[in-house]
Amino acid sequence: MNNVPEQVIAANKQGMETFVEFAGIAAAGAEKIFDMQMRIAKAIFADNVKHSKSLVAAKDVQELTEIQAAITQPATEKLTAYGRSLYSVVAETQSDLSKFFDGRFSEVNKTLTSALDHAVKNAPAGSDVAVNAVKSAMTAANQAYDAFSKVARQVTEATEVSIAGTTNATTKKKAA
């Protein structure tokens, strides 16, 4: 494909396909969060109706205090479960997006390398400096991307450990 218009058309088509795939991943993540929030909103509404009926039916202050105490612990557990569920959906979407970008980055890298090799073959004499500069920039970009990916994975792992610790603390408080 040495014809420039064909290359532009192919690049535009690839760009559109990439955008559509990215938008699909993002929309699927948003849909999961929305569905989860709707389920939780329905559950909260049902719990509030139930608790309101219990509070209205209380005959004295002692019973009212007991009802309020009984409501607090399950609410804390449900809030913790919501946080874990939300994190799970976000982590899954982030993982899908990371795979998507890793694949795209790899494809772009191959395309650039191929184009650079083609340019080297057709480059005029004395253009070695420019070619080496581009190769050096590509190597630096690859290293930066690898470092960013590594940091993103470390942050994800640290967050998972933190959530697990919070869950364990909540479970221990419940047992006590």
N, C-alpha and C. Protein backbone atom coordinates (compact mmCIF):
# COMPACT_ATOMS: atom_id res chain seq x y z
N MET A 1 0.83 -1.19 0.00
CA MET A 1 0.00 0.00 0.00
C MET A 1 0.88 1.25 0.00
N ASN A 2 1.33 1.65 -1.18
CA ASN A 2 2.15 2.85 -1.29
C ASN A 2 1.33 4.06 -1.69
N ASN A 3 0.07 3.86 -1.99
CA ASN A 3 -0.81 4.94 -2.39
C ASN A 3 -1.26 5.70 -1.14
N VAL A 4 -0.93 6.98 -1.08
CA VAL A 4 -1.22 7.79 0.11
C VAL A 4 -2.71 7.84 0.45
N PRO A 5 -3.62 8.06 -0.51
CA PRO A 5 -5.04 8.08 -0.15
C PRO A 5 -5.51 6.75 0.46
N GLU A 6 -5.00 5.65 -0.05
CA GLU A 6 -5.36 4.36 0.52
C GLU A 6 -4.86 4.23 1.95
N GLN A 7 -3.66 4.75 2.19
CA GLN A 7 -3.11 4.71 3.55
C GLN A 7 -3.94 5.57 4.50
N VAL A 8 -4.37 6.73 4.02
CA VAL A 8 -5.19 7.62 4.85
C VAL A 8 -6.53 6.96 5.15
N ILE A 9 -7.13 6.35 4.14
CA ILE A 9 -8.42 5.67 4.34
C ILE A 9 -8.26 4.52 5.33
N ALA A 10 -7.20 3.74 5.17
CA ALA A 10 -6.95 2.61 6.09
C ALA A 10 -6.71 3.12 7.51
N ALA A 11 -5.96 4.20 7.65
CA ALA A 11 -5.70 4.76 8.97
C ALA A 11 -6.99 5.27 9.62
N ASN A 12 -7.83 5.94 8.81
CA ASN A 12 -9.11 6.43 9.34
C ASN A 12 -10.01 5.27 9.76
N LYS A 13 -10.04 4.22 8.95
CA LYS A 13 -10.85 3.05 9.28
C LYS A 13 -10.35 2.41 10.57
N GLN A 14 -9.05 2.26 10.69
CA GLN A 14 -8.47 1.67 11.91
C GLN A 14 -8.77 2.56 13.12
N GLY A 15 -8.66 3.86 12.93
CA GLY A 15 -8.96 4.79 14.02
C GLY A 15 -10.41 4.67 14.49
N MET A 16 -11.32 4.56 13.54
CA MET A 16 -12.74 4.42 13.87
C MET A 16 -12.98 3.10 14.61
N GLU A 17 -12.40 2.01 14.11
CA GLU A 17 -12.56 0.72 14.76
C GLU A 17 -12.00 0.74 16.19
N THR A 18 -10.89 1.40 16.36
CA THR A 18 -10.28 1.52 17.69
C THR A 18 -11.19 2.31 18.62
N PHE A 19 -11.72 3.41 18.12
CA PHE A 19 -12.63 4.23 18.93
C PHE A 19 -13.87 3.45 19.34
N VAL A 20 -14.44 2.72 18.39
CA VAL A 20 -15.66 1.95 18.66
C VAL A 20 -15.38 0.88 19.71
N GLU A 21 -14.25 0.21 19.60
CA GLU A 21 -13.89 -0.81 20.59
C GLU A 21 -13.68 -0.18 21.97
N PHE A 22 -12.97 0.93 22.02
CA PHE A 22 -12.75 1.63 23.29
C PHE A 22 -14.08 2.08 23.90
N ALA A 23 -14.94 2.67 23.08
CA ALA A 23 -16.24 3.14 23.57
C ALA A 23 -17.07 1.97 24.08
N GLY A 24 -16.98 0.82 23.41
CA GLY A 24 -17.71 -0.36 23.86
C GLY A 24 -17.25 -0.83 25.23
N ILE A 25 -15.96 -0.84 25.46
CA ILE A 25 -15.42 -1.24 26.76
C ILE A 25 -15.88 -0.26 27.84
N ALA A 26 -15.75 1.03 27.56
CA ALA A 26 -16.16 2.05 28.53
C ALA A 26 -17.66 1.98 28.81
N ALA A 27 -18.46 1.79 27.78
CA ALA A 27 -19.92 1.72 27.96
C ALA A 27 -20.31 0.48 28.75
N ALA A 28 -19.64 -0.64 28.51
CA ALA A 28 -19.94 -1.86 29.27
C ALA A 28 -19.63 -1.66 30.76
N GLY A 29 -18.53 -1.00 31.06
CA GLY A 29 -18.21 -0.70 32.46
C GLY A 29 -19.23 0.23 33.09
N ALA A 30 -19.63 1.26 32.36
CA ALA A 30 -20.63 2.19 32.87
C ALA A 30 -21.97 1.49 33.09
N GLU A 31 -22.32 0.59 32.18
CA GLU A 31 -23.57 -0.15 32.31
C GLU A 31 -23.56 -1.04 33.56
N LYS A 32 -22.43 -1.68 33.82
CA LYS A 32 -22.33 -2.52 35.02
C LYS A 32 -22.49 -1.68 36.28
N ILE A 33 -21.86 -0.52 36.30
CA ILE A 33 -21.98 0.36 37.47
C ILE A 33 -23.42 0.84 37.62
N PHE A 34 -24.04 1.22 36.52
CA PHE A 34 -25.43 1.68 36.58
C PHE A 34 -26.35 0.57 37.10
N ASP A 35 -26.19 -0.64 36.57
CA ASP A 35 -27.02 -1.76 37.03
C ASP A 35 -26.82 -2.01 38.52
N MET A 36 -25.57 -1.98 38.96
CA MET A 36 -25.27 -2.19 40.37
C MET A 36 -25.93 -1.09 41.22
N GLN A 37 -25.83 0.14 40.79
CA GLN A 37 -26.41 1.24 41.54
C GLN A 37 -27.93 1.14 41.60
N MET A 38 -28.56 0.69 40.53
CA MET A 38 -30.01 0.51 40.55
C MET A 38 -30.42 -0.59 41.53
N ARG A 39 -29.70 -1.70 41.53
CA ARG A 39 -29.99 -2.78 42.49
C ARG A 39 -29.83 -2.28 43.92
N ILE A 40 -28.79 -1.52 44.15
CA ILE A 40 -28.53 -1.01 45.50
C ILE A 40 -29.59 0.02 45.88
N ALA A 41 -29.99 0.87 44.96
CA ALA A 41 -31.03 1.87 45.27
C ALA A 41 -32.34 1.18 45.65
N LYS A 42 -32.68 0.11 44.93
CA LYS A 42 -33.91 -0.63 45.26
C LYS A 42 -33.79 -1.27 46.63
N ALA A 43 -32.62 -1.84 46.93
CA ALA A 43 -32.42 -2.48 48.23
C ALA A 43 -32.46 -1.45 49.36
N ILE A 44 -31.85 -0.30 49.13
CA ILE A 44 -31.88 0.75 50.15
C ILE A 44 -33.31 1.23 50.39
N PHE A 45 -34.06 1.40 49.33
CA PHE A 45 -35.44 1.82 49.48
C PHE A 45 -36.23 0.80 50.29
N ALA A 46 -36.09 -0.48 49.95
CA ALA A 46 -36.81 -1.53 50.68
C ALA A 46 -36.38 -1.57 52.15
N ASP A 47 -35.08 -1.43 52.40
CA ASP A 47 -34.60 -1.41 53.79
C ASP A 47 -35.16 -0.21 54.55
N ASN A 48 -35.18 0.95 53.90
CA ASN A 48 -35.69 2.15 54.57
C ASN A 48 -37.17 2.03 54.89
N VAL A 49 -37.93 1.44 53.99
CA VAL A 49 -39.36 1.23 54.27
C VAL A 49 -39.50 0.30 55.47
N LYS A 50 -38.76 -0.78 55.47
CA LYS A 50 -38.81 -1.75 56.56
C LYS A 50 -38.39 -1.10 57.89
N HIS A 51 -37.29 -0.36 57.87
CA HIS A 51 -36.82 0.29 59.09
C HIS A 51 -37.78 1.37 59.57
N SER A 52 -38.36 2.11 58.65
CA SER A 52 -39.33 3.14 59.03
C SER A 52 -40.54 2.53 59.72
N LYS A 53 -41.01 1.42 59.18
CA LYS A 53 -42.14 0.73 59.81
C LYS A 53 -41.77 0.25 61.21
N SER A 54 -40.55 -0.25 61.36
CA SER A 54 -40.10 -0.71 62.69
C SER A 54 -40.01 0.45 63.67
N LEU A 55 -39.46 1.58 63.20
CA LEU A 55 -39.32 2.73 64.08
C LEU A 55 -40.68 3.30 64.49
N VAL A 56 -41.59 3.35 63.56
CA VAL A 56 -42.94 3.86 63.86
C VAL A 56 -43.65 2.93 64.85
N ALA A 57 -43.36 1.64 64.77
CA ALA A 57 -44.03 0.67 65.63
C ALA A 57 -43.41 0.58 67.02
N ALA A 58 -42.29 1.27 67.23
CA ALA A 58 -41.63 1.21 68.55
C ALA A 58 -42.56 1.77 69.62
N LYS A 59 -42.61 1.07 70.74
CA LYS A 59 -43.54 1.46 71.81
C LYS A 59 -42.89 2.33 72.88
N ASP A 60 -41.56 2.27 72.98
CA ASP A 60 -40.89 3.10 73.98
C ASP A 60 -39.47 3.44 73.49
N VAL A 61 -38.78 4.27 74.28
CA VAL A 61 -37.45 4.73 73.90
C VAL A 61 -36.45 3.57 73.85
N GLN A 62 -36.57 2.65 74.78
CA GLN A 62 -35.68 1.49 74.82
C GLN A 62 -35.79 0.69 73.52
N GLU A 63 -36.98 0.40 73.09
CA GLU A 63 -37.19 -0.35 71.85
C GLU A 63 -36.68 0.45 70.64
N LEU A 64 -36.88 1.75 70.65
CA LEU A 64 -36.40 2.62 69.57
C LEU A 64 -34.87 2.56 69.49
N THR A 65 -34.21 2.61 70.63
CA THR A 65 -32.75 2.54 70.68
C THR A 65 -32.26 1.19 70.16
N GLU A 66 -32.93 0.11 70.53
CA GLU A 66 -32.54 -1.22 70.06
C GLU A 66 -32.71 -1.35 68.55
N ILE A 67 -33.78 -0.79 68.03
CA ILE A 67 -34.03 -0.83 66.59
C ILE A 67 -32.94 -0.06 65.85
N GLN A 68 -32.60 1.12 66.36
CA GLN A 68 -31.56 1.93 65.71
C GLN A 68 -30.21 1.21 65.74
N ALA A 69 -29.90 0.56 66.84
CA ALA A 69 -28.64 -0.19 66.92
C ALA A 69 -28.65 -1.36 65.95
N ALA A 70 -29.78 -2.01 65.80
CA ALA A 70 -29.89 -3.15 64.90
C ALA A 70 -29.78 -2.72 63.43
N ILE A 71 -30.14 -1.49 63.14
CA ILE A 71 -30.08 -0.98 61.77
C ILE A 71 -28.65 -0.61 61.37
N THR A 72 -27.89 -0.10 62.30
CA THR A 72 -26.57 0.45 62.00
C THR A 72 -25.59 -0.59 61.46
N GLN A 73 -25.45 -1.73 62.11
CA GLN A 73 -24.46 -2.72 61.69
C GLN A 73 -24.71 -3.24 60.27
N PRO A 74 -25.92 -3.66 59.94
CA PRO A 74 -26.14 -4.12 58.56
C PRO A 74 -25.88 -3.02 57.52
N ALA A 75 -26.19 -1.79 57.87
CA ALA A 75 -25.95 -0.69 56.94
C ALA A 75 -24.46 -0.52 56.67
N THR A 76 -23.64 -0.65 57.71
CA THR A 76 -22.19 -0.55 57.55
C THR A 76 -21.67 -1.69 56.68
N GLU A 77 -22.18 -2.88 56.90
CA GLU A 77 -21.76 -4.03 56.09
C GLU A 77 -22.17 -3.86 54.64
N LYS A 78 -23.37 -3.34 54.42
CA LYS A 78 -23.84 -3.14 53.05
C LYS A 78 -23.02 -2.06 52.35
N LEU A 79 -22.64 -1.02 53.08
CA LEU A 79 -21.81 0.03 52.50
C LEU A 79 -20.45 -0.53 52.11
N THR A 80 -19.88 -1.36 52.96
CA THR A 80 -18.60 -2.00 52.64
C THR A 80 -18.73 -2.91 51.42
N ALA A 81 -19.80 -3.67 51.36
CA ALA A 81 -20.04 -4.55 50.21
C ALA A 81 -20.21 -3.73 48.93
N TYR A 82 -20.90 -2.60 49.03
CA TYR A 82 -21.06 -1.73 47.87
C TYR A 82 -19.69 -1.24 47.38
N GLY A 83 -18.85 -0.81 48.31
CA GLY A 83 -17.50 -0.35 47.95
C GLY A 83 -16.71 -1.44 47.24
N ARG A 84 -16.79 -2.67 47.78
CA ARG A 84 -16.08 -3.79 47.15
C ARG A 84 -16.64 -4.05 45.75
N SER A 85 -17.95 -4.03 45.62
CA SER A 85 -18.58 -4.29 44.31
C SER A 85 -18.20 -3.21 43.29
N LEU A 86 -18.24 -1.97 43.73
CA LEU A 86 -17.88 -0.87 42.86
C LEU A 86 -16.42 -0.99 42.43
N TYR A 87 -15.56 -1.27 43.39
CA TYR A 87 -14.15 -1.44 43.06
C TYR A 87 -13.97 -2.59 42.07
N SER A 88 -14.68 -3.67 42.27
CA SER A 88 -14.57 -4.83 41.39
C SER A 88 -14.92 -4.47 39.95
N VAL A 89 -15.99 -3.74 39.77
CA VAL A 89 -16.41 -3.34 38.42
C VAL A 89 -15.38 -2.39 37.81
N VAL A 90 -14.92 -1.43 38.60
CA VAL A 90 -13.94 -0.47 38.09
C VAL A 90 -12.63 -1.19 37.75
N ALA A 91 -12.20 -2.11 38.61
CA ALA A 91 -10.96 -2.85 38.35
C ALA A 91 -11.08 -3.71 37.10
N GLU A 92 -12.23 -4.33 36.91
CA GLU A 92 -12.44 -5.15 35.72
C GLU A 92 -12.41 -4.29 34.46
N THR A 93 -13.07 -3.13 34.51
CA THR A 93 -13.07 -2.23 33.36
C THR A 93 -11.67 -1.71 33.09
N GLN A 94 -10.95 -1.36 34.16
CA GLN A 94 -9.58 -0.88 34.01
C GLN A 94 -8.70 -1.97 33.40
N SER A 95 -8.90 -3.20 33.81
CA SER A 95 -8.13 -4.31 33.25
C SER A 95 -8.43 -4.47 31.76
N ASP A 96 -9.70 -4.40 31.40
CA ASP A 96 -10.09 -4.50 29.99
C ASP A 96 -9.48 -3.36 29.16
N LEU A 97 -9.50 -2.16 29.73
CA LEU A 97 -8.92 -1.01 29.02
C LEU A 97 -7.40 -1.15 28.92
N SER A 98 -6.76 -1.68 29.95
CA SER A 98 -5.32 -1.89 29.89
C SER A 98 -4.96 -2.88 28.79
N LYS A 99 -5.72 -3.97 28.70
CA LYS A 99 -5.48 -4.95 27.64
C LYS A 99 -5.69 -4.30 26.27
N PHE A 100 -6.74 -3.50 26.17
CA PHE A 100 -7.03 -2.80 24.92
C PHE A 100 -5.86 -1.91 24.53
N PHE A 101 -5.39 -1.08 25.47
CA PHE A 101 -4.30 -0.16 25.15
C PHE A 101 -2.99 -0.89 24.92
N ASP A 102 -2.74 -1.97 25.65
CA ASP A 102 -1.53 -2.76 25.41
C ASP A 102 -1.52 -3.27 23.98
N GLY A 103 -2.66 -3.80 23.55
CA GLY A 103 -2.77 -4.30 22.18
C GLY A 103 -2.57 -3.20 21.15
N ARG A 104 -3.20 -2.07 21.38
CA ARG A 104 -3.08 -0.96 20.44
C ARG A 104 -1.66 -0.42 20.42
N PHE A 105 -1.04 -0.31 21.58
CA PHE A 105 0.32 0.20 21.66
C PHE A 105 1.26 -0.73 20.90
N SER A 106 1.04 -2.02 21.05
CA SER A 106 1.86 -3.01 20.35
C SER A 106 1.69 -2.87 18.83
N GLU A 107 0.43 -2.71 18.39
CA GLU A 107 0.17 -2.55 16.95
C GLU A 107 0.83 -1.28 16.41
N VAL A 108 0.70 -0.18 17.14
CA VAL A 108 1.30 1.08 16.70
C VAL A 108 2.81 0.94 16.64
N ASN A 109 3.37 0.27 17.63
CA ASN A 109 4.81 0.08 17.69
C ASN A 109 5.28 -0.72 16.46
N LYS A 110 4.56 -1.78 16.12
CA LYS A 110 4.92 -2.60 14.95
C LYS A 110 4.80 -1.77 13.67
N THR A 111 3.73 -0.98 13.57
CA THR A 111 3.53 -0.16 12.38
C THR A 111 4.64 0.88 12.24
N LEU A 112 4.98 1.52 13.35
CA LEU A 112 6.05 2.53 13.30
C LEU A 112 7.38 1.89 12.95
N THR A 113 7.64 0.74 13.52
CA THR A 113 8.90 0.04 13.23
C THR A 113 8.97 -0.34 11.76
N SER A 114 7.85 -0.83 11.23
CA SER A 114 7.79 -1.19 9.81
C SER A 114 7.99 0.04 8.93
N ALA A 115 7.32 1.12 9.28
CA ALA A 115 7.44 2.36 8.51
C ALA A 115 8.87 2.90 8.58
N LEU A 116 9.48 2.79 9.75
CA LEU A 116 10.85 3.27 9.92
C LEU A 116 11.81 2.42 9.09
N ASP A 117 11.62 1.12 9.11
CA ASP A 117 12.46 0.24 8.30
C ASP A 117 12.32 0.57 6.82
N HIS A 118 11.07 0.82 6.40
CA HIS A 118 10.82 1.20 5.00
C HIS A 118 11.49 2.53 4.69
N ALA A 119 11.43 3.47 5.61
CA ALA A 119 12.04 4.79 5.41
C ALA A 119 13.55 4.68 5.34
N VAL A 120 14.14 3.80 6.14
CA VAL A 120 15.59 3.63 6.15
C VAL A 120 16.06 3.13 4.78
N LYS A 121 15.28 2.20 4.21
CA LYS A 121 15.65 1.64 2.91
C LYS A 121 15.61 2.70 1.82
N ASN A 122 14.69 3.64 1.95
CA ASN A 122 14.51 4.67 0.91
C ASN A 122 15.11 6.02 1.29
N ALA A 123 15.77 6.08 2.44
CA ALA A 123 16.30 7.36 2.92
C ALA A 123 17.56 7.75 2.14
N PRO A 124 17.73 9.03 1.96
CA PRO A 124 18.95 9.49 1.29
C PRO A 124 20.17 9.28 2.19
N ALA A 125 21.30 9.27 1.58
CA ALA A 125 22.54 9.10 2.34
C ALA A 125 22.69 10.24 3.34
N GLY A 126 23.19 9.91 4.51
CA GLY A 126 23.41 10.91 5.55
C GLY A 126 22.23 11.11 6.48
N SER A 127 21.17 10.34 6.31
CA SER A 127 19.99 10.51 7.17
C SER A 127 20.04 9.57 8.39
N ASP A 128 21.18 8.97 8.62
CA ASP A 128 21.34 8.04 9.73
C ASP A 128 21.03 8.70 11.08
N VAL A 129 21.41 9.96 11.21
CA VAL A 129 21.21 10.68 12.47
C VAL A 129 19.71 10.80 12.77
N ALA A 130 18.93 11.15 11.77
CA ALA A 130 17.49 11.30 11.97
C ALA A 130 16.85 9.95 12.28
N VAL A 131 17.25 8.91 11.59
CA VAL A 131 16.71 7.58 11.83
C VAL A 131 17.04 7.11 13.24
N ASN A 132 18.27 7.33 13.65
CA ASN A 132 18.68 6.94 15.01
C ASN A 132 17.93 7.74 16.06
N ALA A 133 17.64 8.99 15.79
CA ALA A 133 16.87 9.81 16.73
C ALA A 133 15.45 9.27 16.88
N VAL A 134 14.84 8.88 15.77
CA VAL A 134 13.48 8.32 15.83
C VAL A 134 13.50 6.99 16.58
N LYS A 135 14.50 6.15 16.29
CA LYS A 135 14.60 4.86 17.00
C LYS A 135 14.79 5.09 18.50
N SER A 136 15.61 6.06 18.84
CA SER A 136 15.84 6.39 20.26
C SER A 136 14.55 6.88 20.91
N ALA A 137 13.79 7.71 20.20
CA ALA A 137 12.51 8.20 20.74
C ALA A 137 11.53 7.05 20.94
N MET A 138 11.50 6.11 20.00
CA MET A 138 10.61 4.94 20.13
C MET A 138 11.01 4.09 21.33
N THR A 139 12.30 3.89 21.52
CA THR A 139 12.78 3.12 22.67
C THR A 139 12.39 3.81 23.97
N ALA A 140 12.56 5.12 24.02
CA ALA A 140 12.19 5.88 25.22
C ALA A 140 10.68 5.80 25.47
N ALA A 141 9.89 5.90 24.42
CA ALA A 141 8.43 5.81 24.57
C ALA A 141 8.03 4.42 25.06
N ASN A 142 8.66 3.39 24.54
CA ASN A 142 8.37 2.02 24.99
C ASN A 142 8.72 1.85 26.47
N GLN A 143 9.85 2.38 26.86
CA GLN A 143 10.26 2.29 28.26
C GLN A 143 9.30 3.06 29.17
N ALA A 144 8.89 4.23 28.73
CA ALA A 144 7.94 5.03 29.53
C ALA A 144 6.61 4.31 29.66
N TYR A 145 6.14 3.72 28.58
CA TYR A 145 4.88 2.98 28.62
C TYR A 145 4.99 1.78 29.54
N ASP A 146 6.09 1.05 29.46
CA ASP A 146 6.30 -0.10 30.34
C ASP A 146 6.31 0.33 31.80
N ALA A 147 6.99 1.44 32.09
CA ALA A 147 7.04 1.95 33.47
C ALA A 147 5.65 2.36 33.94
N PHE A 148 4.90 3.04 33.08
CA PHE A 148 3.54 3.45 33.44
C PHE A 148 2.66 2.23 33.71
N SER A 149 2.77 1.23 32.85
CA SER A 149 1.97 0.00 33.04
C SER A 149 2.33 -0.68 34.36
N LYS A 150 3.61 -0.71 34.67
CA LYS A 150 4.06 -1.34 35.92
C LYS A 150 3.50 -0.58 37.13
N VAL A 151 3.55 0.74 37.09
CA VAL A 151 3.02 1.54 38.19
C VAL A 151 1.52 1.35 38.32
N ALA A 152 0.81 1.29 37.21
CA ALA A 152 -0.64 1.08 37.24
C ALA A 152 -0.97 -0.27 37.88
N ARG A 153 -0.21 -1.30 37.54
CA ARG A 153 -0.44 -2.62 38.15
C ARG A 153 -0.16 -2.59 39.65
N GLN A 154 0.90 -1.88 40.05
CA GLN A 154 1.23 -1.78 41.47
C GLN A 154 0.15 -1.04 42.24
N VAL A 155 -0.40 0.02 41.67
CA VAL A 155 -1.48 0.76 42.32
C VAL A 155 -2.71 -0.14 42.46
N THR A 156 -3.00 -0.89 41.42
CA THR A 156 -4.15 -1.81 41.47
C THR A 156 -3.96 -2.85 42.56
N GLU A 157 -2.77 -3.42 42.64
CA GLU A 157 -2.48 -4.43 43.67
C GLU A 157 -2.58 -3.82 45.06
N ALA A 158 -2.04 -2.62 45.24
CA ALA A 158 -2.09 -1.96 46.55
C ALA A 158 -3.54 -1.66 46.94
N THR A 159 -4.34 -1.24 45.99
CA THR A 159 -5.75 -0.96 46.27
C THR A 159 -6.48 -2.23 46.66
N GLU A 160 -6.19 -3.33 45.97
CA GLU A 160 -6.81 -4.61 46.32
C GLU A 160 -6.44 -5.04 47.73
N VAL A 161 -5.18 -4.86 48.12
CA VAL A 161 -4.75 -5.19 49.47
C VAL A 161 -5.46 -4.32 50.49
N SER A 162 -5.60 -3.04 50.17
CA SER A 162 -6.28 -2.11 51.06
C SER A 162 -7.75 -2.49 51.25
N ILE A 163 -8.41 -2.83 50.15
CA ILE A 163 -9.82 -3.23 50.24
C ILE A 163 -9.96 -4.52 51.03
N ALA A 164 -9.05 -5.46 50.81
CA ALA A 164 -9.08 -6.72 51.57
C ALA A 164 -8.88 -6.44 53.05
N GLY A 165 -7.98 -5.53 53.39
CA GLY A 165 -7.75 -5.16 54.78
C GLY A 165 -8.97 -4.51 55.41
N THR A 166 -9.63 -3.64 54.66
CA THR A 166 -10.85 -3.00 55.15
C THR A 166 -11.95 -4.03 55.38
N THR A 167 -12.06 -4.95 54.46
CA THR A 167 -13.06 -6.01 54.59
C THR A 167 -12.79 -6.86 55.82
N ASN A 168 -11.53 -7.21 56.03
CA ASN A 168 -11.17 -8.00 57.20
C ASN A 168 -11.44 -7.25 58.49
N ALA A 169 -11.14 -5.94 58.52
CA ALA A 169 -11.40 -5.14 59.71
C ALA A 169 -12.89 -5.06 60.01
N THR A 170 -13.69 -4.90 58.98
CA THR A 170 -15.13 -4.83 59.16
C THR A 170 -15.67 -6.17 59.67
N THR A 171 -15.16 -7.25 59.12
CA THR A 171 -15.59 -8.58 59.55
C THR A 171 -15.19 -8.82 61.01
N LYS A 172 -14.00 -8.39 61.40
CA LYS A 172 -13.55 -8.57 62.79
C LYS A 172 -14.41 -7.75 63.75
N LYS A 173 -14.77 -6.54 63.37
CA LYS A 173 -15.63 -5.70 64.21
C LYS A 173 -16.99 -6.35 64.38
N LYS A 174 -17.48 -6.94 63.31
CA LYS A 174 -18.78 -7.59 63.37
C LYS A 174 -18.73 -8.78 64.34
N ALA A 175 -17.63 -9.54 64.29
CA ALA A 175 -17.49 -10.72 65.15
C ALA A 175 -17.34 -10.32 66.62
N ALA A 176 -16.76 -9.15 66.86
CA ALA A 176 -16.53 -8.72 68.25
C ALA A 176 -17.74 -8.25 68.94
